[in-house]
Amino acid sequence: MKTQLSGEELYRRYTEGDESGFDGLIGLYRNDLTAYARSIIKDEALAEDCAVEAFAELAIKKKYNFSIPIKSYLMMICRCRALDQLKKYRRTVRLSDVGEEFLPYTQAEFSDEYAEKDELKRTIRALPEKQRSAVWLVYIDGMSYKEAATAMKITVKKLDKLLAAAKKNLKDKMRYDG
């Protein structure tokens, strides 16, 4: 039975001259990176491009230093590339430009259904920067507390306190506005 090597071990082999190490990294993380980018930009081809760019940056810049899991490092690069794609290709369509008959909801139904989500997004954006980053990394990017704490260069205990404060702020703000 063949044991699968960790991403860090595959990268270490690649940096020591074993090209198969990088192929192994791609095989190990390509689908996860593509799915993550697709969840941000909603376009399969652009999501695949973001994943490829993340691997390319890892290979070319060689800035990974093993301080966080390599998967987290690749996800951060992929997220940046996906957000760059959103900025580059975002097109806005006003509801007035589309006939009501082509919409799955009336404008009133659409507004009601998404108003709560929009309020939550606005409330998260209004959090202090460190709380907002903690919420993003843990609840949106899906990092473990340890991975998020490492990425933020804080202790897990400090991350836990930031998340508790963020939850309290979100609850207070939603209750106050609601």
Protein backbone atom coordinates (compact mmCIF):
# COMPACT_ATOMS: atom_id res chain seq x y z
CA MET A 1 0.00 0.00 0.00
CA LYS A 2 1.44 3.33 -1.08
CA THR A 3 1.41 6.14 1.51
CA GLN A 4 0.38 9.55 0.20
CA LEU A 5 2.92 12.25 0.94
CA SER A 6 1.88 15.54 2.53
CA GLY A 7 1.83 18.72 0.49
CA GLU A 8 4.77 20.04 2.46
CA GLU A 9 6.83 16.91 1.73
CA LEU A 10 5.96 17.08 -1.97
CA TYR A 11 7.02 20.74 -2.09
CA ARG A 12 10.25 19.95 -0.26
CA ARG A 13 11.04 17.27 -2.86
CA TYR A 14 10.29 19.75 -5.65
CA THR A 15 12.66 22.33 -4.17
CA GLU A 16 15.33 19.64 -4.00
CA GLY A 17 15.02 19.04 -7.75
CA ASP A 18 12.38 16.28 -7.95
CA GLU A 19 9.85 17.55 -10.54
CA SER A 20 7.42 14.77 -9.59
CA GLY A 21 6.98 16.53 -6.25
CA PHE A 22 5.29 19.46 -7.99
CA ASP A 23 3.14 17.12 -10.08
CA GLY A 24 2.06 15.50 -6.83
CA LEU A 25 1.13 18.89 -5.37
CA ILE A 26 -1.01 19.66 -8.39
CA GLY A 27 -2.73 16.30 -8.14
CA LEU A 28 -3.31 16.76 -4.42
CA TYR A 29 -4.72 20.31 -4.44
CA ARG A 30 -5.88 21.23 -7.97
CA ASN A 31 -9.51 20.24 -7.46
CA ASP A 32 -9.75 21.98 -4.08
CA LEU A 33 -8.23 25.20 -5.43
CA THR A 34 -10.49 25.17 -8.49
CA ALA A 35 -13.60 24.58 -6.37
CA TYR A 36 -12.58 27.36 -4.00
CA ALA A 37 -12.00 29.84 -6.83
CA ARG A 38 -15.28 28.77 -8.47
CA SER A 39 -17.12 29.53 -5.21
CA ILE A 40 -15.82 33.09 -5.48
CA ILE A 41 -16.07 33.85 -9.20
CA LYS A 42 -18.75 31.37 -10.38
CA ASP A 43 -16.94 30.59 -13.64
CA GLU A 44 -15.28 27.22 -14.22
CA ALA A 45 -12.68 28.37 -16.78
CA LEU A 46 -11.62 31.40 -14.73
CA ALA A 47 -11.53 29.25 -11.58
CA GLU A 48 -9.17 26.80 -13.28
CA ASP A 49 -7.00 29.74 -14.36
CA CYS A 50 -6.82 30.93 -10.74
CA ALA A 51 -5.71 27.50 -9.56
CA VAL A 52 -3.05 27.31 -12.27
CA GLU A 53 -1.83 30.80 -11.35
CA ALA A 54 -1.56 29.79 -7.69
CA PHE A 55 0.64 26.83 -8.59
CA ALA A 56 2.66 28.98 -10.99
CA GLU A 57 3.30 31.57 -8.29
CA LEU A 58 4.37 28.85 -5.88
CA ALA A 59 6.79 27.42 -8.46
CA ILE A 60 8.20 30.70 -9.76
CA LYS A 61 8.45 32.90 -6.68
CA LYS A 62 9.34 30.11 -4.25
CA LYS A 63 8.30 32.24 -1.25
CA TYR A 64 6.64 29.42 0.69
CA ASN A 65 8.52 28.97 3.98
CA PHE A 66 6.61 26.14 5.75
CA SER A 67 5.26 28.50 8.43
CA ILE A 68 1.65 27.59 7.54
CA PRO A 69 0.23 24.53 5.78
CA ILE A 70 0.97 24.66 2.07
CA LYS A 71 -2.70 24.14 1.28
CA SER A 72 -3.56 27.31 3.23
CA TYR A 73 -0.79 29.16 1.40
CA LEU A 74 -2.10 28.02 -1.99
CA MET A 75 -5.68 28.92 -0.98
CA MET A 76 -4.58 32.44 -0.07
CA ILE A 77 -2.88 32.88 -3.46
CA CYS A 78 -5.90 31.41 -5.24
CA ARG A 79 -8.25 33.72 -3.35
CA CYS A 80 -6.21 36.75 -4.40
CA ARG A 81 -6.26 35.63 -8.03
CA ALA A 82 -10.03 35.02 -7.90
CA LEU A 83 -10.64 38.46 -6.42
CA ASP A 84 -8.42 39.96 -9.13
CA GLN A 85 -10.56 38.18 -11.73
CA LEU A 86 -13.73 39.56 -10.14
CA LYS A 87 -12.38 43.08 -10.34
CA LYS A 88 -11.29 42.57 -13.92
CA TYR A 89 -14.40 40.88 -15.29
CA ARG A 90 -17.22 42.07 -13.05
CA ARG A 91 -20.15 43.30 -15.05
CA THR A 92 -23.14 44.89 -13.42
CA VAL A 93 -26.60 44.42 -14.80
CA ARG A 94 -29.32 46.71 -13.50
CA LEU A 95 -32.73 45.14 -12.96
CA SER A 96 -34.17 47.86 -15.16
CA ASP A 97 -32.04 46.55 -18.05
CA VAL A 98 -33.65 43.10 -17.83
CA GLY A 99 -37.32 42.49 -18.48
CA GLU A 100 -39.26 41.27 -15.41
CA GLU A 101 -40.37 38.19 -17.38
CA PHE A 102 -36.75 36.92 -17.44
CA LEU A 103 -36.23 37.16 -13.69
CA PRO A 104 -36.95 34.20 -11.40
CA TYR A 105 -38.33 36.63 -8.79
CA THR A 106 -40.13 39.91 -8.89
CA GLN A 107 -37.96 42.78 -7.77
CA ALA A 108 -39.78 42.87 -4.41
CA GLU A 109 -39.27 39.11 -3.81
CA PHE A 110 -35.61 39.41 -4.79
CA SER A 111 -35.10 42.33 -2.42
CA ASP A 112 -36.76 40.52 0.48
CA GLU A 113 -34.81 37.31 -0.02
CA TYR A 114 -31.38 38.94 -0.22
CA ALA A 115 -31.83 41.88 2.15
CA GLU A 116 -30.81 39.80 5.17
CA LYS A 117 -27.67 38.46 3.44
CA ASP A 118 -26.70 41.96 2.31
CA GLU A 119 -27.15 43.27 5.85
CA LEU A 120 -24.92 40.52 7.24
CA LYS A 121 -22.24 41.32 4.63
CA ARG A 122 -22.40 45.03 5.48
CA THR A 123 -22.19 44.23 9.18
CA ILE A 124 -19.16 41.98 8.65
CA ARG A 125 -17.46 44.70 6.58
CA ALA A 126 -18.07 47.14 9.47
CA LEU A 127 -16.18 44.95 11.97
CA PRO A 128 -12.73 46.07 13.08
CA GLU A 129 -10.06 44.80 10.68
CA LYS A 130 -8.67 42.00 12.86
CA GLN A 131 -12.15 40.69 13.72
CA ARG A 132 -13.17 40.85 10.06
CA SER A 133 -10.04 38.93 9.02
CA ALA A 134 -10.65 36.27 11.67
CA VAL A 135 -14.26 35.81 10.55
CA TRP A 136 -13.20 35.61 6.92
CA LEU A 137 -10.43 33.07 7.41
CA VAL A 138 -12.38 30.75 9.72
CA TYR A 139 -15.98 30.97 8.52
CA ILE A 140 -15.61 31.87 4.86
CA ASP A 141 -12.25 30.36 3.87
CA GLY A 142 -12.85 27.38 6.16
CA MET A 143 -9.45 27.42 7.84
CA SER A 144 -8.95 25.73 11.18
CA TYR A 145 -8.32 27.98 14.17
CA LYS A 146 -4.64 26.98 14.13
CA GLU A 147 -4.25 27.76 10.39
CA ALA A 148 -6.06 31.10 10.72
CA ALA A 149 -4.05 32.08 13.79
CA THR A 150 -0.82 31.25 11.97
CA ALA A 151 -1.88 33.25 8.91
CA MET A 152 -2.76 36.23 11.13
CA LYS A 153 0.45 35.78 13.17
CA ILE A 154 -1.45 35.55 16.47
CA THR A 155 -2.10 32.81 19.02
CA VAL A 156 -5.11 30.51 18.81
CA LYS A 157 -6.32 32.00 22.10
CA LYS A 158 -6.18 35.52 20.62
CA LEU A 159 -8.04 34.28 17.51
CA ASP A 160 -10.72 32.76 19.73
CA LYS A 161 -11.12 36.09 21.54
CA LEU A 162 -11.33 37.97 18.23
CA LEU A 163 -14.02 35.60 16.96
CA ALA A 164 -16.00 35.87 20.21
CA ALA A 165 -15.86 39.66 19.99
CA ALA A 166 -16.83 39.56 16.31
CA LYS A 167 -19.83 37.33 17.07
CA LYS A 168 -20.94 39.66 19.86
CA ASN A 169 -20.56 42.70 17.59
CA LEU A 170 -22.48 40.99 14.79
CA LYS A 171 -25.27 39.90 17.13
CA ASP A 172 -25.54 43.35 18.71
CA LYS A 173 -25.53 45.13 15.36
CA MET A 174 -28.07 42.77 13.78
CA ARG A 175 -30.33 43.04 16.84
CA TYR A 176 -30.00 46.85 16.92
CA ASP A 177 -30.69 47.26 13.19
CA GLY A 178 -33.29 44.49 13.00
